[in-house]
Amino acid sequence: MRITIKQTDFDMIYEHALKESPDEACGLIAGEDREDGVREISRVYILENIDHTNEHFTIDPKEQLAAIKDMRACGLKPLGNWHSHPESPSRPSEEDKRLANDSKASYLILSLMEEGKPVLNAFHIESINGEKTVRKEELVIV
């Protein structure tokens, strides 16, 4: 799947992740699945990682509910979530895979491992025969 995200939304994620570092930062993404097969992110939600750790994240449930209500009010579809890896590569950790329970979601991971060189990738994670499989999705910043 091809996913698009606006440069301004990428910048917002990056700036928030820097601010929250060394803890992981997190949030949700919303938009639409277009008829041409492109998943278009049109809104990014910055939410609190209530775990305040660099090893995993838990989105604040009240903020998550408010974001979902806002998506519905704006006619947007929940597309998945994003989080940062302050000290590791932009790929799902074992914890990320274990907690990925929505096979329709896109999971965006921003690595801050190399200072000044953020890396954002998107992944599809699903359970097949009890095993979590990960497939990298094409992510385009527009």
C-alpha atoms as a PDB file:
ATOM      1  CA  MET A   1       0.000   0.000   0.000  1.00  0.00           C
ATOM      2  CA  ARG A   2       1.107   3.542  -0.741  1.00  0.00           C
ATOM      3  CA  ILE A   3       0.653   6.079   2.046  1.00  0.00           C
ATOM      4  CA  THR A   4       0.990   9.847   1.760  1.00  0.00           C
ATOM      5  CA  ILE A   5       1.657  12.318   4.557  1.00  0.00           C
ATOM      6  CA  LYS A   6       2.062  16.067   4.267  1.00  0.00           C
ATOM      7  CA  GLN A   7       5.458  17.588   5.051  1.00  0.00           C
ATOM      8  CA  THR A   8       3.851  19.786   7.716  1.00  0.00           C
ATOM      9  CA  ASP A   9       2.419  16.697   9.457  1.00  0.00           C
ATOM     10  CA  PHE A  10       5.799  14.945   9.292  1.00  0.00           C
ATOM     11  CA  ASP A  11       7.408  18.064  10.795  1.00  0.00           C
ATOM     12  CA  MET A  12       4.815  18.131  13.586  1.00  0.00           C
ATOM     13  CA  ILE A  13       5.498  14.470  14.462  1.00  0.00           C
ATOM     14  CA  TYR A  14       9.258  15.040  14.355  1.00  0.00           C
ATOM     15  CA  GLU A  15       9.151  18.159  16.548  1.00  0.00           C
ATOM     16  CA  HIS A  16       6.933  16.445  19.110  1.00  0.00           C
ATOM     17  CA  ALA A  17       9.151  13.354  19.158  1.00  0.00           C
ATOM     18  CA  LEU A  18      12.218  15.539  19.772  1.00  0.00           C
ATOM     19  CA  LYS A  19      10.417  17.327  22.587  1.00  0.00           C
ATOM     20  CA  GLU A  20       9.396  14.049  24.255  1.00  0.00           C
ATOM     21  CA  SER A  21      12.775  12.344  23.815  1.00  0.00           C
ATOM     22  CA  PRO A  22      14.190  10.266  25.460  1.00  0.00           C
ATOM     23  CA  ASP A  23      10.611   8.938  25.941  1.00  0.00           C
ATOM     24  CA  GLU A  24       8.645   7.570  23.013  1.00  0.00           C
ATOM     25  CA  ALA A  25       6.096   9.982  21.562  1.00  0.00           C
ATOM     26  CA  CYS A  26       2.850   8.752  20.051  1.00  0.00           C
ATOM     27  CA  GLY A  27      -0.404   9.608  18.352  1.00  0.00           C
ATOM     28  CA  LEU A  28      -2.978   8.628  15.760  1.00  0.00           C
ATOM     29  CA  ILE A  29      -3.330   9.174  12.026  1.00  0.00           C
ATOM     30  CA  ALA A  30      -6.552   9.745  10.107  1.00  0.00           C
ATOM     31  CA  GLY A  31      -7.619  10.372   6.545  1.00  0.00           C
ATOM     32  CA  GLU A  32      -9.025   8.244   3.762  1.00  0.00           C
ATOM     33  CA  ASP A  33      -8.355   5.188   1.660  1.00  0.00           C
ATOM     34  CA  ARG A  34      -8.760   6.574  -1.844  1.00  0.00           C
ATOM     35  CA  GLU A  35     -10.183   4.635  -4.778  1.00  0.00           C
ATOM     36  CA  ASP A  36      -6.769   4.694  -6.490  1.00  0.00           C
ATOM     37  CA  GLY A  37      -5.357   2.574  -3.649  1.00  0.00           C
ATOM     38  CA  VAL A  38      -3.526   5.392  -1.875  1.00  0.00           C
ATOM     39  CA  ARG A  39      -3.972   5.781   1.868  1.00  0.00           C
ATOM     40  CA  GLU A  40      -3.943   9.549   2.394  1.00  0.00           C
ATOM     41  CA  ILE A  41      -3.148  10.860   5.864  1.00  0.00           C
ATOM     42  CA  SER A  42      -4.906  14.194   6.248  1.00  0.00           C
ATOM     43  CA  ARG A  43      -4.733  14.619  10.019  1.00  0.00           C
ATOM     44  CA  VAL A  44      -2.163  13.672  12.638  1.00  0.00           C
ATOM     45  CA  TYR A  45      -3.038  13.600  16.316  1.00  0.00           C
ATOM     46  CA  ILE A  46      -0.371  14.257  18.942  1.00  0.00           C
ATOM     47  CA  LEU A  47      -1.310  12.282  22.053  1.00  0.00           C
ATOM     48  CA  GLU A  48       0.315  11.629  25.412  1.00  0.00           C
ATOM     49  CA  ASN A  49       2.361   8.514  26.085  1.00  0.00           C
ATOM     50  CA  ILE A  50       1.106   7.832  29.597  1.00  0.00           C
ATOM     51  CA  ASP A  51       3.908   5.303  30.157  1.00  0.00           C
ATOM     52  CA  HIS A  52       6.607   8.011  29.837  1.00  0.00           C
ATOM     53  CA  THR A  53       9.300   5.526  28.823  1.00  0.00           C
ATOM     54  CA  ASN A  54      11.670   5.006  25.898  1.00  0.00           C
ATOM     55  CA  GLU A  55      10.730   1.329  25.505  1.00  0.00           C
ATOM     56  CA  HIS A  56       7.022   1.460  24.652  1.00  0.00           C
ATOM     57  CA  PHE A  57       3.965   3.660  24.593  1.00  0.00           C
ATOM     58  CA  THR A  58       0.387   3.664  25.776  1.00  0.00           C
ATOM     59  CA  ILE A  59      -1.908   6.324  24.352  1.00  0.00           C
ATOM     60  CA  ASP A  60      -3.964   8.228  26.921  1.00  0.00           C
ATOM     61  CA  PRO A  61      -7.457   6.659  26.576  1.00  0.00           C
ATOM     62  CA  LYS A  62      -9.304   9.972  27.071  1.00  0.00           C
ATOM     63  CA  GLU A  63      -7.200  11.655  24.385  1.00  0.00           C
ATOM     64  CA  GLN A  64      -7.692   8.661  22.078  1.00  0.00           C
ATOM     65  CA  LEU A  65     -11.477   8.850  22.461  1.00  0.00           C
ATOM     66  CA  ALA A  66     -11.443  12.605  21.811  1.00  0.00           C
ATOM     67  CA  ALA A  67      -9.339  12.056  18.668  1.00  0.00           C
ATOM     68  CA  ILE A  68     -11.729   9.365  17.378  1.00  0.00           C
ATOM     69  CA  LYS A  69     -14.711  11.672  18.004  1.00  0.00           C
ATOM     70  CA  ASP A  70     -12.911  14.441  16.103  1.00  0.00           C
ATOM     71  CA  MET A  71     -12.188  12.063  13.196  1.00  0.00           C
ATOM     72  CA  ARG A  72     -15.862  11.138  12.964  1.00  0.00           C
ATOM     73  CA  ALA A  73     -16.952  14.789  13.160  1.00  0.00           C
ATOM     74  CA  CYS A  74     -14.561  15.629  10.309  1.00  0.00           C
ATOM     75  CA  GLY A  75     -15.579  12.644   8.161  1.00  0.00           C
ATOM     76  CA  LEU A  76     -12.155  11.025   8.488  1.00  0.00           C
ATOM     77  CA  LYS A  77     -11.285   7.360   8.875  1.00  0.00           C
ATOM     78  CA  PRO A  78      -8.889   6.141  11.577  1.00  0.00           C
ATOM     79  CA  LEU A  79      -5.862   4.837   9.640  1.00  0.00           C
ATOM     80  CA  GLY A  80      -3.543   3.749  12.432  1.00  0.00           C
ATOM     81  CA  ASN A  81      -1.015   5.197  14.807  1.00  0.00           C
ATOM     82  CA  TRP A  82       2.486   6.606  14.941  1.00  0.00           C
ATOM     83  CA  HIS A  83       5.201   6.522  17.556  1.00  0.00           C
ATOM     84  CA  SER A  84       8.860   7.331  17.892  1.00  0.00           C
ATOM     85  CA  HIS A  85      11.889   5.194  18.596  1.00  0.00           C
ATOM     86  CA  PRO A  86      14.302   7.615  20.295  1.00  0.00           C
ATOM     87  CA  GLU A  87      17.226   5.179  20.327  1.00  0.00           C
ATOM     88  CA  SER A  88      16.420   2.434  17.818  1.00  0.00           C
ATOM     89  CA  PRO A  89      15.731   1.991  14.090  1.00  0.00           C
ATOM     90  CA  SER A  90      12.455   2.717  12.324  1.00  0.00           C
ATOM     91  CA  ARG A  91      11.098  -0.830  12.422  1.00  0.00           C
ATOM     92  CA  PRO A  92       8.621  -2.590  14.695  1.00  0.00           C
ATOM     93  CA  SER A  93      10.101  -3.933  17.907  1.00  0.00           C
ATOM     94  CA  GLU A  94       8.920  -7.254  19.318  1.00  0.00           C
ATOM     95  CA  GLU A  95       6.729  -5.235  21.697  1.00  0.00           C
ATOM     96  CA  ASP A  96       5.275  -3.259  18.752  1.00  0.00           C
ATOM     97  CA  LYS A  97       4.430  -6.483  16.949  1.00  0.00           C
ATOM     98  CA  ARG A  98       2.905  -8.048  20.034  1.00  0.00           C
ATOM     99  CA  LEU A  99       0.651  -5.036  20.622  1.00  0.00           C
ATOM    100  CA  ALA A 100      -0.375  -4.575  16.972  1.00  0.00           C
ATOM    101  CA  ASN A 101      -3.928  -5.906  16.960  1.00  0.00           C
ATOM    102  CA  ASP A 102      -5.543  -4.082  14.042  1.00  0.00           C
ATOM    103  CA  SER A 103      -4.723  -5.701  10.701  1.00  0.00           C
ATOM    104  CA  LYS A 104      -6.268  -2.724   8.860  1.00  0.00           C
ATOM    105  CA  ALA A 105      -4.024  -0.176  10.567  1.00  0.00           C
ATOM    106  CA  SER A 106      -0.847   1.423   9.326  1.00  0.00           C
ATOM    107  CA  TYR A 107       1.868   1.755  11.943  1.00  0.00           C
ATOM    108  CA  LEU A 108       4.243   4.685  11.435  1.00  0.00           C
ATOM    109  CA  ILE A 109       7.551   4.599  13.318  1.00  0.00           C
ATOM    110  CA  LEU A 110       9.906   7.568  13.510  1.00  0.00           C
ATOM    111  CA  SER A 111      13.509   6.811  14.436  1.00  0.00           C
ATOM    112  CA  LEU A 112      15.567   9.510  16.141  1.00  0.00           C
ATOM    113  CA  MET A 113      18.572   7.196  16.422  1.00  0.00           C
ATOM    114  CA  GLU A 114      20.821   9.408  14.276  1.00  0.00           C
ATOM    115  CA  GLU A 115      20.767  12.986  15.475  1.00  0.00           C
ATOM    116  CA  GLY A 116      19.377  15.336  12.840  1.00  0.00           C
ATOM    117  CA  LYS A 117      18.429  12.445  10.522  1.00  0.00           C
ATOM    118  CA  PRO A 118      14.884  11.362  11.336  1.00  0.00           C
ATOM    119  CA  VAL A 119      13.645   8.237   9.551  1.00  0.00           C
ATOM    120  CA  LEU A 120       9.899   7.641   9.200  1.00  0.00           C
ATOM    121  CA  ASN A 121       8.593   4.326   7.890  1.00  0.00           C
ATOM    122  CA  ALA A 122       5.146   2.756   7.674  1.00  0.00           C
ATOM    123  CA  PHE A 123       4.311  -0.868   8.361  1.00  0.00           C
ATOM    124  CA  HIS A 124       1.416  -3.293   8.079  1.00  0.00           C
ATOM    125  CA  ILE A 125       1.368  -5.862  10.873  1.00  0.00           C
ATOM    126  CA  GLU A 126      -1.005  -8.795  11.008  1.00  0.00           C
ATOM    127  CA  SER A 127      -1.292 -12.173  12.597  1.00  0.00           C
ATOM    128  CA  ILE A 128      -1.139 -15.123  10.183  1.00  0.00           C
ATOM    129  CA  ASN A 129      -1.393 -18.616  11.672  1.00  0.00           C
ATOM    130  CA  GLY A 130      -0.522 -17.196  15.081  1.00  0.00           C
ATOM    131  CA  GLU A 131       2.629 -15.455  13.811  1.00  0.00           C
ATOM    132  CA  LYS A 132       2.932 -11.683  13.473  1.00  0.00           C
ATOM    133  CA  THR A 133       4.050 -10.727   9.979  1.00  0.00           C
ATOM    134  CA  VAL A 134       5.416  -7.300   9.129  1.00  0.00           C
ATOM    135  CA  ARG A 135       5.325  -5.695   5.709  1.00  0.00           C
ATOM    136  CA  LYS A 136       6.844  -2.304   4.989  1.00  0.00           C
ATOM    137  CA  GLU A 137       4.458   0.068   3.238  1.00  0.00           C
ATOM    138  CA  GLU A 138       5.499   2.741   0.750  1.00  0.00           C
ATOM    139  CA  LEU A 139       5.432   6.115   2.533  1.00  0.00           C
ATOM    140  CA  VAL A 140       5.615   9.341   0.547  1.00  0.00           C
ATOM    141  CA  ILE A 141       5.991  12.781   2.108  1.00  0.00           C
ATOM    142  CA  VAL A 142       4.138  15.302  -0.085  1.00  0.00           C
END
